[in-house]
Amino acid sequence: MTEQFEFDDAYQELLRLVNEIESDNVALKDMAQKIAEARSLVQQCEQQLRTAEDAVERQEEQ
């Protein structure tokens, strides 16, 4: 998955994927793809949070 989301959208998509995976309605053959999508979204969220933390720290230093 290469699509980039805003944080809130990525988080909502991640929650949707987790619910789908946990619901047992995902065929085993599709599970790896869903997990890869979720991992990508987690990485996007983490990066956006780090960027926000850095911005806050820079503001505090001023």
Protein backbone atom coordinates (compact mmCIF):
# COMPACT_ATOMS: atom_id res chain seq x y z
CA MET A 1 0.00 0.00 0.00
CA THR A 2 1.59 3.23 -1.10
CA GLU A 3 -1.34 5.57 -0.54
CA GLN A 4 -0.63 8.28 2.00
CA PHE A 5 -3.37 9.32 4.43
CA GLU A 6 -3.79 12.19 6.81
CA PHE A 7 -3.37 10.92 10.38
CA ASP A 8 -7.08 10.74 11.22
CA ASP A 9 -7.90 8.95 7.97
CA ALA A 10 -5.00 6.51 8.39
CA TYR A 11 -6.08 5.78 11.95
CA GLN A 12 -9.69 5.17 10.91
CA GLU A 13 -8.56 2.88 8.08
CA LEU A 14 -6.31 1.02 10.52
CA LEU A 15 -9.22 0.51 12.91
CA ARG A 16 -11.36 -0.75 10.04
CA LEU A 17 -8.68 -3.24 9.02
CA VAL A 18 -8.18 -4.47 12.59
CA ASN A 19 -11.92 -4.98 13.01
CA GLU A 20 -12.07 -6.83 9.70
CA ILE A 21 -9.15 -9.07 10.63
CA GLU A 22 -10.55 -9.78 14.10
CA SER A 23 -14.02 -10.55 12.74
CA ASP A 24 -12.86 -13.84 11.19
CA ASN A 25 -14.51 -12.76 7.93
CA VAL A 26 -11.19 -12.47 6.11
CA ALA A 27 -10.12 -15.44 4.05
CA LEU A 28 -6.74 -16.78 5.03
CA LYS A 29 -5.44 -16.01 1.52
CA ASP A 30 -6.28 -12.30 2.09
CA MET A 31 -4.94 -12.09 5.64
CA ALA A 32 -1.32 -11.36 4.68
CA GLN A 33 -2.39 -8.44 2.48
CA LYS A 34 -4.60 -6.98 5.23
CA ILE A 35 -1.77 -7.27 7.73
CA ALA A 36 0.66 -5.58 5.31
CA GLU A 37 -1.83 -2.74 4.80
CA ALA A 38 -2.23 -2.36 8.56
CA ARG A 39 1.56 -2.33 9.07
CA SER A 40 1.91 0.41 6.46
CA LEU A 41 -0.77 2.49 8.16
CA VAL A 42 0.91 2.06 11.55
CA GLN A 43 4.18 3.29 10.04
CA GLN A 44 2.43 6.30 8.51
CA CYS A 45 0.80 7.18 11.83
CA GLU A 46 4.07 6.79 13.72
CA GLN A 47 5.89 9.06 11.26
CA GLN A 48 3.19 11.72 11.47
CA LEU A 49 3.26 11.57 15.28
CA ARG A 50 7.06 11.95 15.30
CA THR A 51 6.75 14.96 13.00
CA ALA A 52 4.14 16.52 15.29
CA GLU A 53 6.28 15.85 18.38
CA ASP A 54 9.27 17.49 16.72
CA ALA A 55 7.19 20.55 15.87
CA VAL A 56 5.97 20.83 19.46
CA GLU A 57 9.51 20.50 20.80
CA ARG A 58 10.72 23.24 18.45
CA GLN A 59 7.90 25.51 19.63
CA GLU A 60 8.78 24.86 23.26
CA GLU A 61 12.41 25.76 22.61
CA GLN A 62 11.47 29.20 21.25
